[in-house]
Amino acid sequence: MMTLESIYYIGQTLAVLAILVSLLFLTFQTMQNTRAVRASSLQEVLDGCRDRNFLPGFTTPDVLNIFARGL
């Protein structure tokens, strides 16, 4: 038969496990968010470079095709 003390210890163990699982989940979510923010930032930088450097003077299909093959 289980005593109140053993039920208490089981409850505490389950609470600690739940906290650890939630911390692992938060770590995973933070890593995914960091990757998404970095990718978005890089895309913004590349879009800015493209808009500043290539759109005004290099709008002919031949030049853009050469540039695309270079990437």
PDB file of N, CA and C in Angstrom:
ATOM      1  N   MET A   1       0.835  -1.176   0.000  1.00  0.00           N
ATOM      2  CA  MET A   1       0.000   0.000   0.000  1.00  0.00           C
ATOM      3  C   MET A   1       0.886   1.247   0.000  1.00  0.00           C
ATOM      4  N   MET A   2       0.479   2.234  -0.751  1.00  0.00           N
ATOM      5  CA  MET A   2       1.280   3.456  -0.867  1.00  0.00           C
ATOM      6  C   MET A   2       0.905   4.418   0.257  1.00  0.00           C
ATOM      7  N   THR A   3       1.947   4.997   0.806  1.00  0.00           N
ATOM      8  CA  THR A   3       1.712   5.993   1.851  1.00  0.00           C
ATOM      9  C   THR A   3       1.581   7.365   1.208  1.00  0.00           C
ATOM     10  N   LEU A   4       1.153   8.315   1.989  1.00  0.00           N
ATOM     11  CA  LEU A   4       1.052   9.686   1.491  1.00  0.00           C
ATOM     12  C   LEU A   4       2.418  10.222   1.088  1.00  0.00           C
ATOM     13  N   GLU A   5       3.430   9.802   1.813  1.00  0.00           N
ATOM     14  CA  GLU A   5       4.784  10.268   1.494  1.00  0.00           C
ATOM     15  C   GLU A   5       5.236   9.743   0.130  1.00  0.00           C
ATOM     16  N   SER A   6       4.969   8.496  -0.181  1.00  0.00           N
ATOM     17  CA  SER A   6       5.372   7.952  -1.480  1.00  0.00           C
ATOM     18  C   SER A   6       4.562   8.591  -2.609  1.00  0.00           C
ATOM     19  N   ILE A   7       3.291   8.876  -2.379  1.00  0.00           N
ATOM     20  CA  ILE A   7       2.487   9.580  -3.381  1.00  0.00           C
ATOM     21  C   ILE A   7       3.050  10.976  -3.615  1.00  0.00           C
ATOM     22  N   TYR A   8       3.480  11.624  -2.533  1.00  0.00           N
ATOM     23  CA  TYR A   8       4.085  12.954  -2.635  1.00  0.00           C
ATOM     24  C   TYR A   8       5.354  12.899  -3.489  1.00  0.00           C
ATOM     25  N   TYR A   9       6.211  11.909  -3.244  1.00  0.00           N
ATOM     26  CA  TYR A   9       7.456  11.795  -4.009  1.00  0.00           C
ATOM     27  C   TYR A   9       7.187  11.487  -5.487  1.00  0.00           C
ATOM     28  N   ILE A  10       6.197  10.673  -5.753  1.00  0.00           N
ATOM     29  CA  ILE A  10       5.834  10.389  -7.144  1.00  0.00           C
ATOM     30  C   ILE A  10       5.341  11.661  -7.823  1.00  0.00           C
ATOM     31  N   GLY A  11       4.523  12.431  -7.122  1.00  0.00           N
ATOM     32  CA  GLY A  11       4.038  13.702  -7.670  1.00  0.00           C
ATOM     33  C   GLY A  11       5.165  14.676  -7.944  1.00  0.00           C
ATOM     34  N   GLN A  12       6.114  14.752  -7.029  1.00  0.00           N
ATOM     35  CA  GLN A  12       7.264  15.641  -7.220  1.00  0.00           C
ATOM     36  C   GLN A  12       8.104  15.194  -8.413  1.00  0.00           C
ATOM     37  N   THR A  13       8.292  13.902  -8.557  1.00  0.00           N
ATOM     38  CA  THR A  13       9.065  13.378  -9.683  1.00  0.00           C
ATOM     39  C   THR A  13       8.377  13.701 -11.007  1.00  0.00           C
ATOM     40  N   LEU A  14       7.070  13.512 -11.052  1.00  0.00           N
ATOM     41  CA  LEU A  14       6.332  13.841 -12.272  1.00  0.00           C
ATOM     42  C   LEU A  14       6.397  15.335 -12.575  1.00  0.00           C
ATOM     43  N   ALA A  15       6.357  16.165 -11.545  1.00  0.00           N
ATOM     44  CA  ALA A  15       6.443  17.613 -11.756  1.00  0.00           C
ATOM     45  C   ALA A  15       7.803  17.997 -12.330  1.00  0.00           C
ATOM     46  N   VAL A  16       8.863  17.401 -11.818  1.00  0.00           N
ATOM     47  CA  VAL A  16      10.206  17.688 -12.330  1.00  0.00           C
ATOM     48  C   VAL A  16      10.324  17.232 -13.782  1.00  0.00           C
ATOM     49  N   LEU A  17       9.786  16.072 -14.095  1.00  0.00           N
ATOM     50  CA  LEU A  17       9.828  15.594 -15.478  1.00  0.00           C
ATOM     51  C   LEU A  17       9.048  16.519 -16.407  1.00  0.00           C
ATOM     52  N   ALA A  18       7.911  17.004 -15.955  1.00  0.00           N
ATOM     53  CA  ALA A  18       7.126  17.926 -16.781  1.00  0.00           C
ATOM     54  C   ALA A  18       7.889  19.224 -17.020  1.00  0.00           C
ATOM     55  N   ILE A  19       8.584  19.715 -16.013  1.00  0.00           N
ATOM     56  CA  ILE A  19       9.378  20.938 -16.170  1.00  0.00           C
ATOM     57  C   ILE A  19      10.512  20.706 -17.162  1.00  0.00           C
ATOM     58  N   LEU A  20      11.184  19.569 -17.057  1.00  0.00           N
ATOM     59  CA  LEU A  20      12.281  19.274 -17.983  1.00  0.00           C
ATOM     60  C   LEU A  20      11.789  19.156 -19.425  1.00  0.00           C
ATOM     61  N   VAL A  21      10.649  18.511 -19.622  1.00  0.00           N
ATOM     62  CA  VAL A  21      10.093  18.386 -20.969  1.00  0.00           C
ATOM     63  C   VAL A  21       9.745  19.759 -21.525  1.00  0.00           C
ATOM     64  N   SER A  22       9.149  20.619 -20.700  1.00  0.00           N
ATOM     65  CA  SER A  22       8.794  21.957 -21.187  1.00  0.00           C
ATOM     66  C   SER A  22      10.038  22.785 -21.479  1.00  0.00           C
ATOM     67  N   LEU A  23      11.103  22.628 -20.700  1.00  0.00           N
ATOM     68  CA  LEU A  23      12.351  23.343 -20.989  1.00  0.00           C
ATOM     69  C   LEU A  23      12.970  22.863 -22.300  1.00  0.00           C
ATOM     70  N   LEU A  24      12.932  21.570 -22.549  1.00  0.00           N
ATOM     71  CA  LEU A  24      13.444  21.047 -23.820  1.00  0.00           C
ATOM     72  C   LEU A  24      12.624  21.572 -24.991  1.00  0.00           C
ATOM     73  N   PHE A  25      11.318  21.631 -24.821  1.00  0.00           N
ATOM     74  CA  PHE A  25      10.453  22.157 -25.870  1.00  0.00           C
ATOM     75  C   PHE A  25      10.769  23.624 -26.143  1.00  0.00           C
ATOM     76  N   LEU A  26      10.943  24.410 -25.087  1.00  0.00           N
ATOM     77  CA  LEU A  26      11.268  25.828 -25.262  1.00  0.00           C
ATOM     78  C   LEU A  26      12.625  26.008 -25.935  1.00  0.00           C
ATOM     79  N   THR A  27      13.583  25.162 -25.601  1.00  0.00           N
ATOM     80  CA  THR A  27      14.894  25.224 -26.243  1.00  0.00           C
ATOM     81  C   THR A  27      14.764  24.950 -27.737  1.00  0.00           C
ATOM     82  N   PHE A  28      14.008  23.932 -28.087  1.00  0.00           N
ATOM     83  CA  PHE A  28      13.789  23.593 -29.493  1.00  0.00           C
ATOM     84  C   PHE A  28      13.104  24.740 -30.228  1.00  0.00           C
ATOM     85  N   GLN A  29      12.090  25.331 -29.637  1.00  0.00           N
ATOM     86  CA  GLN A  29      11.369  26.434 -30.260  1.00  0.00           C
ATOM     87  C   GLN A  29      12.273  27.653 -30.439  1.00  0.00           C
ATOM     88  N   THR A  30      13.117  27.928 -29.453  1.00  0.00           N
ATOM     89  CA  THR A  30      14.035  29.061 -29.548  1.00  0.00           C
ATOM     90  C   THR A  30      15.040  28.850 -30.668  1.00  0.00           C
ATOM     91  N   MET A  31      15.536  27.633 -30.811  1.00  0.00           N
ATOM     92  CA  MET A  31      16.486  27.350 -31.887  1.00  0.00           C
ATOM     93  C   MET A  31      15.825  27.518 -33.249  1.00  0.00           C
ATOM     94  N   GLN A  32      14.595  27.045 -33.392  1.00  0.00           N
ATOM     95  CA  GLN A  32      13.883  27.214 -34.663  1.00  0.00           C
ATOM     96  C   GLN A  32      13.640  28.689 -34.963  1.00  0.00           C
ATOM     97  N   ASN A  33      13.262  29.451 -33.941  1.00  0.00           N
ATOM     98  CA  ASN A  33      13.003  30.874 -34.134  1.00  0.00           C
ATOM     99  C   ASN A  33      14.283  31.605 -34.524  1.00  0.00           C
ATOM    100  N   THR A  34      15.396  31.250 -33.904  1.00  0.00           N
ATOM    101  CA  THR A  34      16.673  31.879 -34.234  1.00  0.00           C
ATOM    102  C   THR A  34      17.036  31.618 -35.693  1.00  0.00           C
ATOM    103  N   ARG A  35      16.850  30.377 -36.148  1.00  0.00           N
ATOM    104  CA  ARG A  35      17.130  30.061 -37.556  1.00  0.00           C
ATOM    105  C   ARG A  35      16.244  30.866 -38.495  1.00  0.00           C
ATOM    106  N   ALA A  36      14.983  30.986 -38.147  1.00  0.00           N
ATOM    107  CA  ALA A  36      14.052  31.723 -39.008  1.00  0.00           C
ATOM    108  C   ALA A  36      14.410  33.202 -39.065  1.00  0.00           C
ATOM    109  N   VAL A  37      14.790  33.777 -37.932  1.00  0.00           N
ATOM    110  CA  VAL A  37      15.157  35.198 -37.904  1.00  0.00           C
ATOM    111  C   VAL A  37      16.437  35.430 -38.698  1.00  0.00           C
ATOM    112  N   ARG A  38      17.407  34.536 -38.561  1.00  0.00           N
ATOM    113  CA  ARG A  38      18.652  34.681 -39.325  1.00  0.00           C
ATOM    114  C   ARG A  38      18.394  34.582 -40.826  1.00  0.00           C
ATOM    115  N   ALA A  39      17.572  33.630 -41.223  1.00  0.00           N
ATOM    116  CA  ALA A  39      17.257  33.477 -42.646  1.00  0.00           C
ATOM    117  C   ALA A  39      16.528  34.708 -43.172  1.00  0.00           C
ATOM    118  N   SER A  40      15.616  35.234 -42.385  1.00  0.00           N
ATOM    119  CA  SER A  40      14.882  36.428 -42.798  1.00  0.00           C
ATOM    120  C   SER A  40      15.815  37.630 -42.906  1.00  0.00           C
ATOM    121  N   SER A  41      16.725  37.769 -41.956  1.00  0.00           N
ATOM    122  CA  SER A  41      17.679  38.879 -41.998  1.00  0.00           C
ATOM    123  C   SER A  41      18.579  38.784 -43.222  1.00  0.00           C
ATOM    124  N   LEU A  42      19.067  37.588 -43.505  1.00  0.00           N
ATOM    125  CA  LEU A  42      19.915  37.399 -44.679  1.00  0.00           C
ATOM    126  C   LEU A  42      19.147  37.718 -45.954  1.00  0.00           C
ATOM    127  N   GLN A  43      17.893  37.300 -46.020  1.00  0.00           N
ATOM    128  CA  GLN A  43      17.085  37.586 -47.201  1.00  0.00           C
ATOM    129  C   GLN A  43      16.897  39.085 -47.376  1.00  0.00           C
ATOM    130  N   GLU A  44      16.677  39.807 -46.284  1.00  0.00           N
ATOM    131  CA  GLU A  44      16.521  41.263 -46.357  1.00  0.00           C
ATOM    132  C   GLU A  44      17.804  41.922 -46.872  1.00  0.00           C
ATOM    133  N   VAL A  45      18.952  41.453 -46.392  1.00  0.00           N
ATOM    134  CA  VAL A  45      20.228  42.009 -46.846  1.00  0.00           C
ATOM    135  C   VAL A  45      20.412  41.754 -48.333  1.00  0.00           C
ATOM    136  N   LEU A  46      20.151  40.520 -48.755  1.00  0.00           N
ATOM    137  CA  LEU A  46      20.315  40.190 -50.171  1.00  0.00           C
ATOM    138  C   LEU A  46      19.331  40.955 -51.043  1.00  0.00           C
ATOM    139  N   ASP A  47      18.111  41.116 -50.576  1.00  0.00           N
ATOM    140  CA  ASP A  47      17.134  41.895 -51.339  1.00  0.00           C
ATOM    141  C   ASP A  47      17.569  43.345 -51.461  1.00  0.00           C
ATOM    142  N   GLY A  48      18.129  43.896 -50.384  1.00  0.00           N
ATOM    143  CA  GLY A  48      18.602  45.280 -50.431  1.00  0.00           C
ATOM    144  C   GLY A  48      19.747  45.447 -51.407  1.00  0.00           C
ATOM    145  N   CYS A  49      20.686  44.497 -51.394  1.00  0.00           N
ATOM    146  CA  CYS A  49      21.807  44.558 -52.340  1.00  0.00           C
ATOM    147  C   CYS A  49      21.305  44.449 -53.771  1.00  0.00           C
ATOM    148  N   ARG A  50      20.385  43.549 -54.000  1.00  0.00           N
ATOM    149  CA  ARG A  50      19.841  43.368 -55.343  1.00  0.00           C
ATOM    150  C   ARG A  50      19.139  44.638 -55.806  1.00  0.00           C
ATOM    151  N   ASP A  51      18.315  45.197 -54.957  1.00  0.00           N
ATOM    152  CA  ASP A  51      17.553  46.387 -55.342  1.00  0.00           C
ATOM    153  C   ASP A  51      18.464  47.579 -55.608  1.00  0.00           C
ATOM    154  N   ARG A  52      19.514  47.710 -54.809  1.00  0.00           N
ATOM    155  CA  ARG A  52      20.424  48.845 -54.961  1.00  0.00           C
ATOM    156  C   ARG A  52      21.349  48.689 -56.159  1.00  0.00           C
ATOM    157  N   ASN A  53      21.839  47.486 -56.378  1.00  0.00           N
ATOM    158  CA  ASN A  53      22.910  47.306 -57.351  1.00  0.00           C
ATOM    159  C   ASN A  53      22.461  46.808 -58.719  1.00  0.00           C
ATOM    160  N   PHE A  54      21.468  45.970 -58.772  1.00  0.00           N
ATOM    161  CA  PHE A  54      21.183  45.299 -60.034  1.00  0.00           C
ATOM    162  C   PHE A  54      19.934  45.791 -60.738  1.00  0.00           C
ATOM    163  N   LEU A  55      18.946  46.185 -60.017  1.00  0.00           N
ATOM    164  CA  LEU A  55      17.708  46.569 -60.687  1.00  0.00           C
ATOM    165  C   LEU A  55      17.834  47.826 -61.535  1.00  0.00           C
ATOM    166  N   PRO A  56      18.535  48.864 -61.102  1.00  0.00           N
ATOM    167  CA  PRO A  56      18.568  50.065 -61.946  1.00  0.00           C
ATOM    168  C   PRO A  56      19.262  49.859 -63.288  1.00  0.00           C
ATOM    169  N   GLY A  57      20.388  49.146 -63.323  1.00  0.00           N
ATOM    170  CA  GLY A  57      21.153  49.076 -64.558  1.00  0.00           C
ATOM    171  C   GLY A  57      21.128  47.750 -65.262  1.00  0.00           C
ATOM    172  N   PHE A  58      20.759  46.704 -64.562  1.00  0.00           N
ATOM    173  CA  PHE A  58      20.857  45.365 -65.131  1.00  0.00           C
ATOM    174  C   PHE A  58      19.483  44.715 -65.233  1.00  0.00           C
ATOM    175  N   THR A  59      18.652  45.278 -66.040  1.00  0.00           N
ATOM    176  CA  THR A  59      17.306  44.714 -66.169  1.00  0.00           C
ATOM    177  C   THR A  59      17.118  43.946 -67.462  1.00  0.00           C
ATOM    178  N   THR A  60      18.158  43.823 -68.245  1.00  0.00           N
ATOM    179  CA  THR A  60      18.021  43.048 -69.476  1.00  0.00           C
ATOM    180  C   THR A  60      18.058  41.557 -69.129  1.00  0.00           C
ATOM    181  N   PRO A  61      17.308  40.749 -69.828  1.00  0.00           N
ATOM    182  CA  PRO A  61      17.257  39.316 -69.517  1.00  0.00           C
ATOM    183  C   PRO A  61      18.603  38.616 -69.654  1.00  0.00           C
ATOM    184  N   ASP A  62      19.422  39.043 -70.597  1.00  0.00           N
ATOM    185  CA  ASP A  62      20.721  38.389 -70.779  1.00  0.00           C
ATOM    186  C   ASP A  62      21.617  38.582 -69.565  1.00  0.00           C
ATOM    187  N   VAL A  63      21.690  39.801 -69.079  1.00  0.00           N
ATOM    188  CA  VAL A  63      22.550  40.094 -67.926  1.00  0.00           C
ATOM    189  C   VAL A  63      22.019  39.392 -66.683  1.00  0.00           C
ATOM    190  N   LEU A  64      20.723  39.400 -66.475  1.00  0.00           N
ATOM    191  CA  LEU A  64      20.145  38.729 -65.315  1.00  0.00           C
ATOM    192  C   LEU A  64      20.351  37.221 -65.385  1.00  0.00           C
ATOM    193  N   ASN A  65      20.318  36.656 -66.562  1.00  0.00           N
ATOM    194  CA  ASN A  65      20.552  35.227 -66.729  1.00  0.00           C
ATOM    195  C   ASN A  65      21.993  34.877 -66.380  1.00  0.00           C
ATOM    196  N   ILE A  66      22.935  35.688 -66.821  1.00  0.00           N
ATOM    197  CA  ILE A  66      24.346  35.471 -66.482  1.00  0.00           C
ATOM    198  C   ILE A  66      24.537  35.567 -64.974  1.00  0.00           C
ATOM    199  N   PHE A  67      23.921  36.551 -64.363  1.00  0.00           N
ATOM    200  CA  PHE A  67      24.031  36.714 -62.915  1.00  0.00           C
ATOM    201  C   PHE A  67      23.423  35.520 -62.182  1.00  0.00           C
ATOM    202  N   ALA A  68      22.280  35.042 -62.639  1.00  0.00           N
ATOM    203  CA  ALA A  68      21.623  33.911 -61.986  1.00  0.00           C
ATOM    204  C   ALA A  68      22.463  32.646 -62.087  1.00  0.00           C
ATOM    205  N   ARG A  69      23.139  32.447 -63.198  1.00  0.00           N
ATOM    206  CA  ARG A  69      24.014  31.284 -63.333  1.00  0.00           C
ATOM    207  C   ARG A  69      25.217  31.393 -62.415  1.00  0.00           C
ATOM    208  N   GLY A  70      25.641  32.611 -62.132  1.00  0.00           N
ATOM    209  CA  GLY A  70      26.777  32.814 -61.234  1.00  0.00           C
ATOM    210  C   GLY A  70      26.454  32.507 -59.789  1.00  0.00           C
ATOM    211  N   LEU A  71      25.191  32.623 -59.402  1.00  0.00           N
ATOM    212  CA  LEU A  71      24.798  32.321 -58.028  1.00  0.00           C
ATOM    213  C   LEU A  71      24.755  30.830 -57.834  1.00  0.00           C
TER     214      LEU A  71
END
